[in-house]
């Protein structure tokens, strides 16, 4: 214990630091370990007892001290409106020790960034069919997200604004889920002011975002295109060793691609269109981008089941039992 409460050590693979929480028992949740952090919140693995009396694990997202309670509440309000199998599900919103929290389903399979890093460390190529499948599943989530409505049927006009591998999660049964709606924006719902380039990971921002334009449906699809390039080609399309932020932004704006010959031609065509520097030449919706990917997967008999995804995760990370 410390003067201000219980101190949790950083998880392996994160910068050495401590994170203070008022108590290991946070409301009805028993905090077990720290999972990660963002600009607005910290996320912990916690335990609770459900209405059936069973012990369940949850991901507990706690607002950082000094952050906007209104912005945090906006994220909770948004999550309460969304219900789709490819989106992370909210379980409860509340407050303890003066800190607002969002309790979400805990996804034991980790995130796509971890899996991509595991492949790189083991010098193994990413399974082609699996990479295409993951992008299709993210597009399923975005198709719902972009067309979501209020309970009275009014279109929300949502943009996720932070699509990247760290926000693509896996359930224990092999489901793929898009999460982290903390910087989402809406044309019809007050989710706070846009945050420009800071609203997403720089490497996944679209050319128009690097010029200071607000995030859009097209920018979400661009980010999927970047992930598709990483998973299919084997590396990020614009990152350059030693490149400073201004140089990376310029590489994104020009979007010059050199897709190797080993990439299946239909997939190369999809990547080229998804990452066209001119927004007018790109795919116009999640469904339009998913269509040729799904056609390729059908033609190549590359549609993994949830069980196959689960087994693949087990082989890479040993996370699932």
C-alpha atoms as a PDB file:
ATOM      1  CA  UNK A   1       0.000   0.000   0.000  1.00  0.00           C
ATOM      2  CA  UNK A   2       1.031   3.590  -0.516  1.00  0.00           C
ATOM      3  CA  UNK A   3      -0.284   6.856   0.857  1.00  0.00           C
ATOM      4  CA  UNK A   4      -2.838   7.184  -1.933  1.00  0.00           C
ATOM      5  CA  UNK A   5      -3.945   3.605  -2.372  1.00  0.00           C
ATOM      6  CA  UNK A   6      -2.887   0.334  -3.943  1.00  0.00           C
ATOM      7  CA  UNK A   7      -0.069   0.441  -6.519  1.00  0.00           C
ATOM      8  CA  UNK A   8      -0.104  -1.975  -9.442  1.00  0.00           C
ATOM      9  CA  UNK A   9       3.071  -2.797 -11.392  1.00  0.00           C
ATOM     10  CA  UNK A  10       3.154  -2.396 -15.150  1.00  0.00           C
ATOM     11  CA  UNK A  11       2.480  -5.529 -17.181  1.00  0.00           C
ATOM     12  CA  UNK A  12       5.303  -7.203 -19.077  1.00  0.00           C
ATOM     13  CA  UNK A  13       6.143  -5.465 -22.325  1.00  0.00           C
ATOM     14  CA  UNK A  14       5.050  -2.010 -21.131  1.00  0.00           C
ATOM     15  CA  UNK A  15       7.263   0.836 -19.860  1.00  0.00           C
ATOM     16  CA  UNK A  16       8.319   0.413 -16.237  1.00  0.00           C
ATOM     17  CA  UNK A  17       5.910   2.454 -14.159  1.00  0.00           C
ATOM     18  CA  UNK A  18       3.315   2.134 -11.432  1.00  0.00           C
ATOM     19  CA  UNK A  19      -0.361   2.898 -11.613  1.00  0.00           C
ATOM     20  CA  UNK A  20      -2.172   3.953  -8.469  1.00  0.00           C
ATOM     21  CA  UNK A  21      -5.754   2.872  -7.796  1.00  0.00           C
ATOM     22  CA  UNK A  22      -7.591   3.628  -4.570  1.00  0.00           C
ATOM     23  CA  UNK A  23      -8.021  -0.023  -3.615  1.00  0.00           C
ATOM     24  CA  UNK A  24      -7.645  -3.487  -5.061  1.00  0.00           C
ATOM     25  CA  UNK A  25     -11.385  -3.793  -4.349  1.00  0.00           C
ATOM     26  CA  UNK A  26     -12.913  -1.224  -6.687  1.00  0.00           C
ATOM     27  CA  UNK A  27     -16.657  -1.128  -6.120  1.00  0.00           C
ATOM     28  CA  UNK A  28     -17.813  -4.694  -6.688  1.00  0.00           C
ATOM     29  CA  UNK A  29     -14.742  -5.480  -8.782  1.00  0.00           C
ATOM     30  CA  UNK A  30     -11.559  -7.112  -7.498  1.00  0.00           C
ATOM     31  CA  UNK A  31      -8.638  -5.761  -9.533  1.00  0.00           C
ATOM     32  CA  UNK A  32      -6.099  -8.424 -10.532  1.00  0.00           C
ATOM     33  CA  UNK A  33      -3.636  -6.786 -12.939  1.00  0.00           C
ATOM     34  CA  UNK A  34      -3.081  -3.889 -15.284  1.00  0.00           C
ATOM     35  CA  UNK A  35      -3.819  -4.520 -18.960  1.00  0.00           C
ATOM     36  CA  UNK A  36      -2.911  -1.215 -20.575  1.00  0.00           C
ATOM     37  CA  UNK A  37      -3.421   2.511 -20.733  1.00  0.00           C
ATOM     38  CA  UNK A  38      -4.434   5.293 -23.077  1.00  0.00           C
ATOM     39  CA  UNK A  39      -4.531   9.043 -22.968  1.00  0.00           C
ATOM     40  CA  UNK A  40      -7.872   9.151 -21.166  1.00  0.00           C
ATOM     41  CA  UNK A  41      -8.090   5.892 -19.228  1.00  0.00           C
ATOM     42  CA  UNK A  42      -6.345   2.877 -17.735  1.00  0.00           C
ATOM     43  CA  UNK A  43      -7.603  -0.677 -18.211  1.00  0.00           C
ATOM     44  CA  UNK A  44      -7.373  -3.438 -15.611  1.00  0.00           C
ATOM     45  CA  UNK A  45      -8.277  -7.106 -15.446  1.00  0.00           C
ATOM     46  CA  UNK A  46     -10.808  -7.485 -12.651  1.00  0.00           C
ATOM     47  CA  UNK A  47     -13.111 -10.108 -11.190  1.00  0.00           C
ATOM     48  CA  UNK A  48     -16.768  -9.830 -10.264  1.00  0.00           C
ATOM     49  CA  UNK A  49     -19.681 -12.101  -9.402  1.00  0.00           C
ATOM     50  CA  UNK A  50     -22.524 -12.090 -11.926  1.00  0.00           C
ATOM     51  CA  UNK A  51     -26.259 -12.367 -11.251  1.00  0.00           C
ATOM     52  CA  UNK A  52     -25.990 -16.177 -11.290  1.00  0.00           C
ATOM     53  CA  UNK A  53     -23.339 -16.121  -8.583  1.00  0.00           C
ATOM     54  CA  UNK A  54     -20.558 -17.125 -10.969  1.00  0.00           C
ATOM     55  CA  UNK A  55     -17.151 -15.455 -10.924  1.00  0.00           C
ATOM     56  CA  UNK A  56     -16.408 -13.628 -14.183  1.00  0.00           C
ATOM     57  CA  UNK A  57     -13.450 -11.670 -15.535  1.00  0.00           C
ATOM     58  CA  UNK A  58     -14.013  -8.174 -16.898  1.00  0.00           C
ATOM     59  CA  UNK A  59     -11.891  -5.440 -18.449  1.00  0.00           C
ATOM     60  CA  UNK A  60     -12.311  -2.445 -16.161  1.00  0.00           C
ATOM     61  CA  UNK A  61     -11.629   0.900 -17.836  1.00  0.00           C
ATOM     62  CA  UNK A  62     -10.957   3.662 -15.282  1.00  0.00           C
ATOM     63  CA  UNK A  63     -10.864   7.317 -16.223  1.00  0.00           C
ATOM     64  CA  UNK A  64      -7.547   8.997 -15.469  1.00  0.00           C
ATOM     65  CA  UNK A  65      -7.511  11.738 -12.888  1.00  0.00           C
ATOM     66  CA  UNK A  66      -7.891  15.168 -14.457  1.00  0.00           C
ATOM     67  CA  UNK A  67      -9.551  13.869 -17.623  1.00  0.00           C
ATOM     68  CA  UNK A  68     -12.931  15.063 -18.884  1.00  0.00           C
ATOM     69  CA  UNK A  69     -15.748  13.182 -17.170  1.00  0.00           C
ATOM     70  CA  UNK A  70     -18.061  14.354 -19.940  1.00  0.00           C
ATOM     71  CA  UNK A  71     -15.895  12.775 -22.641  1.00  0.00           C
ATOM     72  CA  UNK A  72     -15.654   9.518 -20.660  1.00  0.00           C
ATOM     73  CA  UNK A  73     -19.436   9.525 -20.160  1.00  0.00           C
ATOM     74  CA  UNK A  74     -19.900  10.069 -23.909  1.00  0.00           C
ATOM     75  CA  UNK A  75     -17.969   6.860 -24.615  1.00  0.00           C
ATOM     76  CA  UNK A  76     -20.136   4.956 -22.124  1.00  0.00           C
ATOM     77  CA  UNK A  77     -23.312   6.391 -23.679  1.00  0.00           C
ATOM     78  CA  UNK A  78     -22.127   5.376 -27.125  1.00  0.00           C
ATOM     79  CA  UNK A  79     -21.299   1.816 -26.043  1.00  0.00           C
ATOM     80  CA  UNK A  80     -24.774   1.489 -24.505  1.00  0.00           C
ATOM     81  CA  UNK A  81     -26.288   2.126 -27.952  1.00  0.00           C
ATOM     82  CA  UNK A  82     -24.170  -0.468 -29.763  1.00  0.00           C
ATOM     83  CA  UNK A  83     -24.838  -4.192 -29.923  1.00  0.00           C
ATOM     84  CA  UNK A  84     -23.009  -6.292 -32.501  1.00  0.00           C
ATOM     85  CA  UNK A  85     -21.034  -9.568 -32.275  1.00  0.00           C
ATOM     86  CA  UNK A  86     -17.946  -7.886 -33.769  1.00  0.00           C
ATOM     87  CA  UNK A  87     -17.876  -5.031 -31.235  1.00  0.00           C
ATOM     88  CA  UNK A  88     -16.575  -5.201 -27.669  1.00  0.00           C
ATOM     89  CA  UNK A  89     -19.589  -5.316 -25.345  1.00  0.00           C
ATOM     90  CA  UNK A  90     -20.122  -3.016 -22.372  1.00  0.00           C
ATOM     91  CA  UNK A  91     -21.370  -4.676 -19.187  1.00  0.00           C
ATOM     92  CA  UNK A  92     -21.778  -1.796 -16.750  1.00  0.00           C
ATOM     93  CA  UNK A  93     -20.949   1.867 -16.225  1.00  0.00           C
ATOM     94  CA  UNK A  94     -20.491   3.406 -12.804  1.00  0.00           C
ATOM     95  CA  UNK A  95     -18.205   5.219 -10.387  1.00  0.00           C
ATOM     96  CA  UNK A  96     -16.121   4.241  -7.346  1.00  0.00           C
ATOM     97  CA  UNK A  97     -13.802   6.346  -5.194  1.00  0.00           C
ATOM     98  CA  UNK A  98     -14.762   9.314  -7.351  1.00  0.00           C
ATOM     99  CA  UNK A  99     -13.456   7.689 -10.546  1.00  0.00           C
ATOM    100  CA  UNK A 100     -15.871   6.791 -13.369  1.00  0.00           C
ATOM    101  CA  UNK A 101     -15.459   3.326 -14.886  1.00  0.00           C
ATOM    102  CA  UNK A 102     -16.713   1.220 -17.772  1.00  0.00           C
ATOM    103  CA  UNK A 103     -16.822  -2.551 -17.247  1.00  0.00           C
ATOM    104  CA  UNK A 104     -16.456  -4.456 -20.521  1.00  0.00           C
ATOM    105  CA  UNK A 105     -16.236  -8.072 -21.546  1.00  0.00           C
ATOM    106  CA  UNK A 106     -12.711  -9.400 -21.063  1.00  0.00           C
ATOM    107  CA  UNK A 107     -11.364 -10.951 -24.246  1.00  0.00           C
ATOM    108  CA  UNK A 108      -8.843 -13.633 -23.348  1.00  0.00           C
ATOM    109  CA  UNK A 109      -7.367 -13.912 -26.843  1.00  0.00           C
ATOM    110  CA  UNK A 110      -5.542 -10.583 -26.621  1.00  0.00           C
ATOM    111  CA  UNK A 111      -5.265  -8.167 -29.526  1.00  0.00           C
ATOM    112  CA  UNK A 112      -4.052  -8.281 -33.121  1.00  0.00           C
ATOM    113  CA  UNK A 113      -0.977  -6.152 -32.418  1.00  0.00           C
ATOM    114  CA  UNK A 114       0.291  -8.814 -29.985  1.00  0.00           C
ATOM    115  CA  UNK A 115      -0.314 -11.571 -32.526  1.00  0.00           C
ATOM    116  CA  UNK A 116       1.451  -9.652 -35.291  1.00  0.00           C
ATOM    117  CA  UNK A 117       4.435  -9.095 -33.005  1.00  0.00           C
ATOM    118  CA  UNK A 118       4.486 -12.815 -32.148  1.00  0.00           C
ATOM    119  CA  UNK A 119       4.642 -13.667 -35.851  1.00  0.00           C
ATOM    120  CA  UNK A 120       7.507 -11.215 -36.395  1.00  0.00           C
ATOM    121  CA  UNK A 121       9.487 -12.554 -33.427  1.00  0.00           C
ATOM    122  CA  UNK A 122       9.076 -16.101 -34.682  1.00  0.00           C
ATOM    123  CA  UNK A 123       9.824 -14.959 -38.249  1.00  0.00           C
ATOM    124  CA  UNK A 124       6.650 -16.605 -39.457  1.00  0.00           C
ATOM    125  CA  UNK A 125       4.527 -15.162 -42.235  1.00  0.00           C
ATOM    126  CA  UNK A 126       0.977 -14.265 -41.316  1.00  0.00           C
ATOM    127  CA  UNK A 127      -1.470 -16.908 -42.671  1.00  0.00           C
ATOM    128  CA  UNK A 128      -2.981 -15.294 -45.757  1.00  0.00           C
ATOM    129  CA  UNK A 129      -6.506 -16.569 -45.283  1.00  0.00           C
ATOM    130  CA  UNK A 130      -6.447 -15.578 -41.624  1.00  0.00           C
ATOM    131  CA  UNK A 131      -5.316 -12.042 -42.437  1.00  0.00           C
ATOM    132  CA  UNK A 132      -8.117 -11.561 -44.956  1.00  0.00           C
ATOM    133  CA  UNK A 133     -10.627 -13.055 -42.509  1.00  0.00           C
ATOM    134  CA  UNK A 134      -9.609 -10.638 -39.756  1.00  0.00           C
ATOM    135  CA  UNK A 135     -10.074  -7.650 -42.055  1.00  0.00           C
ATOM    136  CA  UNK A 136     -13.498  -8.916 -43.137  1.00  0.00           C
ATOM    137  CA  UNK A 137     -14.539  -9.236 -39.485  1.00  0.00           C
ATOM    138  CA  UNK A 138     -13.358  -5.688 -38.726  1.00  0.00           C
ATOM    139  CA  UNK A 139     -15.339  -4.496 -41.754  1.00  0.00           C
ATOM    140  CA  UNK A 140     -18.434  -6.261 -40.383  1.00  0.00           C
ATOM    141  CA  UNK A 141     -17.999  -4.204 -37.222  1.00  0.00           C
ATOM    142  CA  UNK A 142     -17.521  -0.981 -39.177  1.00  0.00           C
ATOM    143  CA  UNK A 143     -20.514  -1.654 -41.431  1.00  0.00           C
ATOM    144  CA  UNK A 144     -22.680  -1.751 -38.305  1.00  0.00           C
ATOM    145  CA  UNK A 145     -20.830   1.101 -36.590  1.00  0.00           C
ATOM    146  CA  UNK A 146     -21.100   3.471 -39.551  1.00  0.00           C
ATOM    147  CA  UNK A 147     -24.851   2.872 -39.923  1.00  0.00           C
ATOM    148  CA  UNK A 148     -25.787   2.658 -36.222  1.00  0.00           C
ATOM    149  CA  UNK A 149     -28.901   4.493 -35.063  1.00  0.00           C
ATOM    150  CA  UNK A 150     -30.272   5.851 -31.810  1.00  0.00           C
ATOM    151  CA  UNK A 151     -33.087   4.002 -30.069  1.00  0.00           C
ATOM    152  CA  UNK A 152     -35.535   6.268 -31.883  1.00  0.00           C
ATOM    153  CA  UNK A 153     -34.062   5.367 -35.278  1.00  0.00           C
ATOM    154  CA  UNK A 154     -31.973   8.476 -35.906  1.00  0.00           C
ATOM    155  CA  UNK A 155     -28.673   7.833 -37.727  1.00  0.00           C
ATOM    156  CA  UNK A 156     -25.674   8.507 -35.498  1.00  0.00           C
ATOM    157  CA  UNK A 157     -23.190   9.129 -38.312  1.00  0.00           C
ATOM    158  CA  UNK A 158     -20.416   7.400 -36.352  1.00  0.00           C
ATOM    159  CA  UNK A 159     -16.724   7.256 -37.241  1.00  0.00           C
ATOM    160  CA  UNK A 160     -14.469   5.050 -35.103  1.00  0.00           C
ATOM    161  CA  UNK A 161     -11.347   7.201 -35.681  1.00  0.00           C
ATOM    162  CA  UNK A 162      -8.866   4.737 -34.138  1.00  0.00           C
ATOM    163  CA  UNK A 163      -8.912   1.527 -36.184  1.00  0.00           C
ATOM    164  CA  UNK A 164      -5.557  -0.212 -35.702  1.00  0.00           C
ATOM    165  CA  UNK A 165      -4.305  -3.670 -34.635  1.00  0.00           C
ATOM    166  CA  UNK A 166      -4.196  -2.737 -30.931  1.00  0.00           C
ATOM    167  CA  UNK A 167      -7.972  -2.202 -31.023  1.00  0.00           C
ATOM    168  CA  UNK A 168      -8.812  -5.518 -32.700  1.00  0.00           C
ATOM    169  CA  UNK A 169      -9.452  -8.156 -30.035  1.00  0.00           C
ATOM    170  CA  UNK A 170     -10.066 -11.911 -29.881  1.00  0.00           C
ATOM    171  CA  UNK A 171     -12.498 -13.779 -27.665  1.00  0.00           C
ATOM    172  CA  UNK A 172     -11.703 -17.161 -26.176  1.00  0.00           C
ATOM    173  CA  UNK A 173     -13.896 -18.800 -28.804  1.00  0.00           C
ATOM    174  CA  UNK A 174     -12.138 -17.169 -31.775  1.00  0.00           C
ATOM    175  CA  UNK A 175     -14.449 -14.203 -32.369  1.00  0.00           C
ATOM    176  CA  UNK A 176     -12.929 -10.967 -33.702  1.00  0.00           C
ATOM    177  CA  UNK A 177     -14.074  -7.733 -32.051  1.00  0.00           C
ATOM    178  CA  UNK A 178     -13.340  -4.062 -32.637  1.00  0.00           C
ATOM    179  CA  UNK A 179     -13.013  -2.003 -29.463  1.00  0.00           C
ATOM    180  CA  UNK A 180     -11.967   1.299 -27.898  1.00  0.00           C
ATOM    181  CA  UNK A 181     -14.500   3.959 -28.850  1.00  0.00           C
ATOM    182  CA  UNK A 182     -12.822   6.701 -26.809  1.00  0.00           C
ATOM    183  CA  UNK A 183     -12.097   8.953 -29.789  1.00  0.00           C
ATOM    184  CA  UNK A 184     -15.126   8.050 -31.904  1.00  0.00           C
ATOM    185  CA  UNK A 185     -16.902  10.973 -33.545  1.00  0.00           C
ATOM    186  CA  UNK A 186     -20.459  11.498 -34.678  1.00  0.00           C
ATOM    187  CA  UNK A 187     -22.181  13.801 -37.090  1.00  0.00           C
ATOM    188  CA  UNK A 188     -25.362  13.750 -34.990  1.00  0.00           C
ATOM    189  CA  UNK A 189     -24.266  13.021 -31.409  1.00  0.00           C
ATOM    190  CA  UNK A 190     -22.152  15.288 -29.237  1.00  0.00           C
ATOM    191  CA  UNK A 191     -19.074  13.187 -28.535  1.00  0.00           C
ATOM    192  CA  UNK A 192     -16.805  16.117 -27.851  1.00  0.00           C
ATOM    193  CA  UNK A 193     -14.468  18.015 -30.202  1.00  0.00           C
ATOM    194  CA  UNK A 194     -12.378  16.229 -32.806  1.00  0.00           C
ATOM    195  CA  UNK A 195      -8.769  15.704 -31.868  1.00  0.00           C
ATOM    196  CA  UNK A 196      -7.120  15.818 -35.303  1.00  0.00           C
ATOM    197  CA  UNK A 197      -3.990  13.742 -35.795  1.00  0.00           C
ATOM    198  CA  UNK A 198      -3.883  12.847 -32.098  1.00  0.00           C
ATOM    199  CA  UNK A 199      -7.238  11.073 -32.418  1.00  0.00           C
ATOM    200  CA  UNK A 200      -5.699   7.973 -34.006  1.00  0.00           C
ATOM    201  CA  UNK A 201      -2.387   6.169 -34.254  1.00  0.00           C
ATOM    202  CA  UNK A 202      -0.331   8.147 -36.762  1.00  0.00           C
ATOM    203  CA  UNK A 203       0.641   5.108 -38.829  1.00  0.00           C
ATOM    204  CA  UNK A 204      -3.030   4.389 -39.542  1.00  0.00           C
ATOM    205  CA  UNK A 205      -4.209   7.916 -40.330  1.00  0.00           C
ATOM    206  CA  UNK A 206      -5.457   8.687 -43.826  1.00  0.00           C
ATOM    207  CA  UNK A 207      -3.818  11.335 -46.053  1.00  0.00           C
ATOM    208  CA  UNK A 208      -6.656  13.772 -45.397  1.00  0.00           C
ATOM    209  CA  UNK A 209      -6.283  13.344 -41.619  1.00  0.00           C
ATOM    210  CA  UNK A 210      -2.568  14.202 -41.806  1.00  0.00           C
ATOM    211  CA  UNK A 211      -3.647  17.469 -43.439  1.00  0.00           C
ATOM    212  CA  UNK A 212      -5.794  18.276 -40.430  1.00  0.00           C
ATOM    213  CA  UNK A 213      -9.144  17.240 -41.870  1.00  0.00           C
ATOM    214  CA  UNK A 214     -11.585  15.545 -39.466  1.00  0.00           C
ATOM    215  CA  UNK A 215     -11.886  11.740 -39.411  1.00  0.00           C
ATOM    216  CA  UNK A 216     -14.495  10.237 -41.711  1.00  0.00           C
ATOM    217  CA  UNK A 217     -15.958   6.919 -42.780  1.00  0.00           C
ATOM    218  CA  UNK A 218     -13.274   6.873 -45.472  1.00  0.00           C
ATOM    219  CA  UNK A 219     -10.505   7.279 -42.900  1.00  0.00           C
ATOM    220  CA  UNK A 220     -11.759   4.200 -41.018  1.00  0.00           C
ATOM    221  CA  UNK A 221     -11.649   2.208 -44.264  1.00  0.00           C
ATOM    222  CA  UNK A 222      -8.167   3.547 -45.013  1.00  0.00           C
ATOM    223  CA  UNK A 223      -6.970   2.152 -41.667  1.00  0.00           C
ATOM    224  CA  UNK A 224      -8.368  -1.265 -42.601  1.00  0.00           C
ATOM    225  CA  UNK A 225      -6.463  -0.987 -45.883  1.00  0.00           C
ATOM    226  CA  UNK A 226      -3.229  -0.368 -43.960  1.00  0.00           C
ATOM    227  CA  UNK A 227      -3.881  -3.430 -41.783  1.00  0.00           C
ATOM    228  CA  UNK A 228      -4.697  -5.491 -44.878  1.00  0.00           C
ATOM    229  CA  UNK A 229      -1.359  -4.483 -46.395  1.00  0.00           C
ATOM    230  CA  UNK A 230       0.469  -5.451 -43.194  1.00  0.00           C
ATOM    231  CA  UNK A 231      -1.249  -8.840 -42.976  1.00  0.00           C
ATOM    232  CA  UNK A 232      -1.103  -9.771 -46.673  1.00  0.00           C
ATOM    233  CA  UNK A 233       2.163  -8.174 -47.816  1.00  0.00           C
ATOM    234  CA  UNK A 234       3.978  -8.618 -44.521  1.00  0.00           C
ATOM    235  CA  UNK A 235       4.933  -5.066 -43.590  1.00  0.00           C
ATOM    236  CA  UNK A 236       3.466  -1.600 -43.087  1.00  0.00           C
ATOM    237  CA  UNK A 237       3.031   0.261 -46.402  1.00  0.00           C
ATOM    238  CA  UNK A 238       4.394   3.622 -45.221  1.00  0.00           C
ATOM    239  CA  UNK A 239       6.569   3.156 -42.165  1.00  0.00           C
ATOM    240  CA  UNK A 240      10.246   3.744 -42.817  1.00  0.00           C
ATOM    241  CA  UNK A 241      13.049   2.958 -40.371  1.00  0.00           C
ATOM    242  CA  UNK A 242      14.215   6.128 -38.681  1.00  0.00           C
ATOM    243  CA  UNK A 243      11.516   8.268 -40.306  1.00  0.00           C
ATOM    244  CA  UNK A 244      10.420  11.221 -38.186  1.00  0.00           C
ATOM    245  CA  UNK A 245       6.747  12.143 -37.896  1.00  0.00           C
ATOM    246  CA  UNK A 246       6.771  14.760 -40.728  1.00  0.00           C
ATOM    247  CA  UNK A 247       8.378  12.269 -43.138  1.00  0.00           C
ATOM    248  CA  UNK A 248       5.876   9.548 -42.227  1.00  0.00           C
ATOM    249  CA  UNK A 249       3.013  11.960 -42.784  1.00  0.00           C
ATOM    250  CA  UNK A 250       4.385  12.844 -46.214  1.00  0.00           C
ATOM    251  CA  UNK A 251       4.709   9.155 -47.120  1.00  0.00           C
ATOM    252  CA  UNK A 252       1.066   8.674 -46.153  1.00  0.00           C
ATOM    253  CA  UNK A 253      -0.053  11.658 -48.229  1.00  0.00           C
ATOM    254  CA  UNK A 254       1.678  10.475 -51.395  1.00  0.00           C
ATOM    255  CA  UNK A 255       0.695   6.829 -50.712  1.00  0.00           C
ATOM    256  CA  UNK A 256       3.108   5.315 -53.220  1.00  0.00           C
ATOM    257  CA  UNK A 257       2.719   1.544 -53.067  1.00  0.00           C
ATOM    258  CA  UNK A 258       5.070  -1.102 -54.372  1.00  0.00           C
ATOM    259  CA  UNK A 259       3.205  -4.349 -53.831  1.00  0.00           C
ATOM    260  CA  UNK A 260       5.465  -7.393 -54.429  1.00  0.00           C
ATOM    261  CA  UNK A 261       4.676  -9.953 -57.130  1.00  0.00           C
ATOM    262  CA  UNK A 262       4.110 -12.688 -54.542  1.00  0.00           C
ATOM    263  CA  UNK A 263       0.842 -11.039 -53.497  1.00  0.00           C
ATOM    264  CA  UNK A 264      -2.192 -12.625 -55.141  1.00  0.00           C
ATOM    265  CA  UNK A 265      -3.344 -10.241 -57.898  1.00  0.00           C
ATOM    266  CA  UNK A 266      -6.973  -9.835 -56.688  1.00  0.00           C
ATOM    267  CA  UNK A 267      -5.715  -8.881 -53.215  1.00  0.00           C
ATOM    268  CA  UNK A 268      -3.154  -6.478 -54.664  1.00  0.00           C
ATOM    269  CA  UNK A 269      -5.951  -4.722 -56.565  1.00  0.00           C
ATOM    270  CA  UNK A 270      -7.992  -4.373 -53.367  1.00  0.00           C
ATOM    271  CA  UNK A 271      -5.024  -2.952 -51.459  1.00  0.00           C
ATOM    272  CA  UNK A 272      -4.264  -0.467 -54.235  1.00  0.00           C
ATOM    273  CA  UNK A 273      -7.823   0.841 -54.197  1.00  0.00           C
ATOM    274  CA  UNK A 274      -8.115   0.871 -50.406  1.00  0.00           C
ATOM    275  CA  UNK A 275      -4.943   2.971 -50.151  1.00  0.00           C
ATOM    276  CA  UNK A 276      -5.468   5.342 -53.065  1.00  0.00           C
ATOM    277  CA  UNK A 277      -4.244   8.828 -52.051  1.00  0.00           C
ATOM    278  CA  UNK A 278      -7.369  10.414 -53.581  1.00  0.00           C
ATOM    279  CA  UNK A 279     -10.366   9.629 -51.360  1.00  0.00           C
ATOM    280  CA  UNK A 280     -12.649   9.630 -54.424  1.00  0.00           C
ATOM    281  CA  UNK A 281     -10.830   6.592 -55.809  1.00  0.00           C
ATOM    282  CA  UNK A 282     -11.224   4.453 -52.663  1.00  0.00           C
ATOM    283  CA  UNK A 283     -13.969   2.126 -51.484  1.00  0.00           C
ATOM    284  CA  UNK A 284     -17.037   4.056 -50.364  1.00  0.00           C
ATOM    285  CA  UNK A 285     -18.291   1.728 -47.617  1.00  0.00           C
ATOM    286  CA  UNK A 286     -17.253  -1.173 -45.422  1.00  0.00           C
ATOM    287  CA  UNK A 287     -19.418  -3.500 -47.497  1.00  0.00           C
ATOM    288  CA  UNK A 288     -17.830  -2.361 -50.754  1.00  0.00           C
ATOM    289  CA  UNK A 289     -14.371  -3.133 -49.376  1.00  0.00           C
ATOM    290  CA  UNK A 290     -15.460  -6.430 -47.794  1.00  0.00           C
ATOM    291  CA  UNK A 291     -17.063  -7.683 -51.023  1.00  0.00           C
ATOM    292  CA  UNK A 292     -13.923  -8.505 -53.054  1.00  0.00           C
ATOM    293  CA  UNK A 293     -12.178  -9.823 -49.934  1.00  0.00           C
ATOM    294  CA  UNK A 294     -15.045 -12.212 -49.244  1.00  0.00           C
ATOM    295  CA  UNK A 295     -15.130 -13.280 -52.903  1.00  0.00           C
ATOM    296  CA  UNK A 296     -11.409 -14.061 -52.748  1.00  0.00           C
ATOM    297  CA  UNK A 297     -11.864 -16.018 -49.510  1.00  0.00           C
ATOM    298  CA  UNK A 298     -14.698 -18.083 -51.047  1.00  0.00           C
ATOM    299  CA  UNK A 299     -12.786 -18.758 -54.270  1.00  0.00           C
ATOM    300  CA  UNK A 300      -9.683 -19.823 -52.329  1.00  0.00           C
ATOM    301  CA  UNK A 301     -11.614 -21.781 -49.678  1.00  0.00           C
ATOM    302  CA  UNK A 302     -10.016 -19.558 -47.049  1.00  0.00           C
ATOM    303  CA  UNK A 303     -12.798 -18.945 -44.544  1.00  0.00           C
ATOM    304  CA  UNK A 304     -11.581 -20.071 -41.107  1.00  0.00           C
ATOM    305  CA  UNK A 305     -14.055 -21.181 -38.464  1.00  0.00           C
ATOM    306  CA  UNK A 306     -14.026 -19.775 -34.934  1.00  0.00           C
ATOM    307  CA  UNK A 307     -12.369 -23.004 -33.816  1.00  0.00           C
ATOM    308  CA  UNK A 308      -9.596 -22.598 -36.403  1.00  0.00           C
ATOM    309  CA  UNK A 309      -9.032 -19.004 -35.261  1.00  0.00           C
ATOM    310  CA  UNK A 310      -8.872 -20.242 -31.667  1.00  0.00           C
ATOM    311  CA  UNK A 311      -6.329 -22.949 -32.537  1.00  0.00           C
ATOM    312  CA  UNK A 312      -4.225 -20.431 -34.461  1.00  0.00           C
ATOM    313  CA  UNK A 313      -4.192 -18.096 -31.455  1.00  0.00           C
ATOM    314  CA  UNK A 314      -3.218 -20.967 -29.192  1.00  0.00           C
ATOM    315  CA  UNK A 315      -0.322 -21.869 -31.466  1.00  0.00           C
ATOM    316  CA  UNK A 316       0.945 -18.296 -31.547  1.00  0.00           C
ATOM    317  CA  UNK A 317       0.451 -17.032 -28.035  1.00  0.00           C
ATOM    318  CA  UNK A 318      -0.548 -19.968 -25.870  1.00  0.00           C
ATOM    319  CA  UNK A 319      -3.258 -17.752 -24.370  1.00  0.00           C
ATOM    320  CA  UNK A 320      -6.199 -20.109 -24.581  1.00  0.00           C
ATOM    321  CA  UNK A 321      -6.777 -23.394 -22.814  1.00  0.00           C
END
